[in-house]
Each structure stands twice: as C-alpha cells, then as structure tokens.
Amino acid sequence: MPKINAKERNPTRYALAAAEQEALKKTYSSSIQIARLCPFCDHKIEVLCRGTHSGAYTKCPNCGESVFFPPIAFRLT
C-alpha cells in the first residue's frame, strides 16, 4: 500500500509524470520481458524490458535480503 497518494497531493505534477511515463513505455517497452525474482523468497523484484542491463544490488521488499543480480542482455533474434 502506498504511503502517499501522489495524484491527490500534486495533480499537475502527477499528470506530467504520467504523460512522460506513457511516452517512455511506447518508446522502450516490448512484448518480451524478464522478471528478476528474489532467490530467497521468489518475490518479483523487477521486470526488465528487452535490452542490455548491468548488474545490480537490490533489497527485496518482501524478505529484506540484499540480492545481487548479474548483468543480462536479451533481444529478439
């Protein structure tokens, strides 16, 4: 559950951010995606769109463990 309601708090900023997010989705999103799951509890931490992604340290919001994900590259062939 979100801690604040950004839409009610600042509707103008929310509208600008929502429009920008839609433009980014249209430009970069693809039908091929990979989910990174926590190896400790199988919680979905993030979803990656097609492309090259570097390694990352991420803290699982479900179990609280710090997880390192290796670099990944995938594309349509």
C-alpha atoms as a PDB file:
ATOM      1  CA  MET A   1       0.000   0.000   0.000  1.00  0.00           C
ATOM      2  CA  PRO A   2       1.447   3.391  -0.972  1.00  0.00           C
ATOM      3  CA  LYS A   3       2.459   5.786   1.774  1.00  0.00           C
ATOM      4  CA  ILE A   4       1.186   8.865  -0.092  1.00  0.00           C
ATOM      5  CA  ASN A   5      -1.326   9.485  -2.861  1.00  0.00           C
ATOM      6  CA  ALA A   6       0.718  11.411  -5.435  1.00  0.00           C
ATOM      7  CA  LYS A   7      -2.319  12.006  -7.646  1.00  0.00           C
ATOM      8  CA  GLU A   8      -4.161  13.881  -4.873  1.00  0.00           C
ATOM      9  CA  ARG A   9      -1.085  15.574  -3.414  1.00  0.00           C
ATOM     10  CA  ASN A  10       0.064  17.281  -6.626  1.00  0.00           C
ATOM     11  CA  PRO A  11      -2.276  16.608  -9.598  1.00  0.00           C
ATOM     12  CA  THR A  12      -0.310  18.793 -12.040  1.00  0.00           C
ATOM     13  CA  ARG A  13       2.976  17.024 -11.377  1.00  0.00           C
ATOM     14  CA  TYR A  14       1.211  13.649 -11.484  1.00  0.00           C
ATOM     15  CA  ALA A  15      -0.302  14.417 -14.912  1.00  0.00           C
ATOM     16  CA  LEU A  16       3.092  15.460 -16.322  1.00  0.00           C
ATOM     17  CA  ALA A  17       4.818  12.364 -14.926  1.00  0.00           C
ATOM     18  CA  ALA A  18       2.036  10.067 -16.191  1.00  0.00           C
ATOM     19  CA  ALA A  19       2.293  11.520 -19.709  1.00  0.00           C
ATOM     20  CA  GLU A  20       6.086  11.125 -19.660  1.00  0.00           C
ATOM     21  CA  GLN A  21       5.781   7.517 -18.454  1.00  0.00           C
ATOM     22  CA  GLU A  22       3.339   6.683 -21.267  1.00  0.00           C
ATOM     23  CA  ALA A  23       5.736   8.145 -23.845  1.00  0.00           C
ATOM     24  CA  LEU A  24       8.620   6.112 -22.395  1.00  0.00           C
ATOM     25  CA  LYS A  25       6.522   2.924 -22.449  1.00  0.00           C
ATOM     26  CA  LYS A  26       5.652   3.467 -26.111  1.00  0.00           C
ATOM     27  CA  THR A  27       9.294   4.100 -26.993  1.00  0.00           C
ATOM     28  CA  TYR A  28      11.112   1.433 -24.975  1.00  0.00           C
ATOM     29  CA  SER A  29       8.657  -1.232 -23.861  1.00  0.00           C
ATOM     30  CA  SER A  30       8.402  -4.522 -25.697  1.00  0.00           C
ATOM     31  CA  SER A  31       6.403  -7.699 -25.538  1.00  0.00           C
ATOM     32  CA  ILE A  32       9.499  -9.579 -24.374  1.00  0.00           C
ATOM     33  CA  GLN A  33      10.202  -9.070 -20.692  1.00  0.00           C
ATOM     34  CA  ILE A  34      12.094 -10.892 -17.960  1.00  0.00           C
ATOM     35  CA  ALA A  35      11.253 -10.764 -14.262  1.00  0.00           C
ATOM     36  CA  ARG A  36      14.001 -10.771 -11.659  1.00  0.00           C
ATOM     37  CA  LEU A  37      12.901 -12.870  -8.679  1.00  0.00           C
ATOM     38  CA  CYS A  38      14.356 -12.888  -5.197  1.00  0.00           C
ATOM     39  CA  PRO A  39      16.303 -16.156  -4.771  1.00  0.00           C
ATOM     40  CA  PHE A  40      15.329 -16.275  -1.077  1.00  0.00           C
ATOM     41  CA  CYS A  41      11.529 -15.905  -1.300  1.00  0.00           C
ATOM     42  CA  ASP A  42      10.653 -15.848  -5.059  1.00  0.00           C
ATOM     43  CA  HIS A  43       9.159 -12.356  -4.793  1.00  0.00           C
ATOM     44  CA  LYS A  44       9.154 -10.458  -8.122  1.00  0.00           C
ATOM     45  CA  ILE A  45      11.573  -7.575  -7.573  1.00  0.00           C
ATOM     46  CA  GLU A  46      11.603  -6.001 -11.037  1.00  0.00           C
ATOM     47  CA  VAL A  47      10.615  -6.574 -14.641  1.00  0.00           C
ATOM     48  CA  LEU A  48      13.160  -5.881 -17.394  1.00  0.00           C
ATOM     49  CA  CYS A  49      12.306  -4.961 -20.967  1.00  0.00           C
ATOM     50  CA  ARG A  50      14.336  -6.200 -23.928  1.00  0.00           C
ATOM     51  CA  GLY A  51      17.899  -4.846 -23.999  1.00  0.00           C
ATOM     52  CA  THR A  52      21.114  -4.848 -22.005  1.00  0.00           C
ATOM     53  CA  HIS A  53      21.046  -4.372 -18.237  1.00  0.00           C
ATOM     54  CA  SER A  54      24.010  -4.087 -15.884  1.00  0.00           C
ATOM     55  CA  GLY A  55      24.425  -5.931 -12.633  1.00  0.00           C
ATOM     56  CA  ALA A  56      22.549  -4.511  -9.669  1.00  0.00           C
ATOM     57  CA  TYR A  57      22.280  -4.815  -5.898  1.00  0.00           C
ATOM     58  CA  THR A  58      18.645  -4.720  -4.818  1.00  0.00           C
ATOM     59  CA  LYS A  59      16.974  -5.140  -1.452  1.00  0.00           C
ATOM     60  CA  CYS A  60      13.925  -7.403  -1.603  1.00  0.00           C
ATOM     61  CA  PRO A  61      10.881  -5.539  -0.280  1.00  0.00           C
ATOM     62  CA  ASN A  62       9.321  -8.843   0.793  1.00  0.00           C
ATOM     63  CA  CYS A  63      12.047 -10.558   2.857  1.00  0.00           C
ATOM     64  CA  GLY A  64      14.551  -7.697   3.257  1.00  0.00           C
ATOM     65  CA  GLU A  65      17.563  -9.627   1.922  1.00  0.00           C
ATOM     66  CA  SER A  66      20.124  -7.811  -0.234  1.00  0.00           C
ATOM     67  CA  VAL A  67      20.374  -9.565  -3.609  1.00  0.00           C
ATOM     68  CA  PHE A  68      22.910  -9.139  -6.432  1.00  0.00           C
ATOM     69  CA  PHE A  69      21.615  -9.706  -9.951  1.00  0.00           C
ATOM     70  CA  PRO A  70      24.216 -10.329 -12.676  1.00  0.00           C
ATOM     71  CA  PRO A  71      24.264  -8.378 -15.947  1.00  0.00           C
ATOM     72  CA  ILE A  72      21.809  -9.587 -18.575  1.00  0.00           C
ATOM     73  CA  ALA A  73      21.314  -8.977 -22.295  1.00  0.00           C
ATOM     74  CA  PHE A  74      18.415 -10.297 -24.336  1.00  0.00           C
ATOM     75  CA  ARG A  75      16.790  -9.334 -27.628  1.00  0.00           C
ATOM     76  CA  LEU A  76      14.607 -10.575 -30.435  1.00  0.00           C
ATOM     77  CA  THR A  77      16.592 -12.652 -32.934  1.00  0.00           C
END
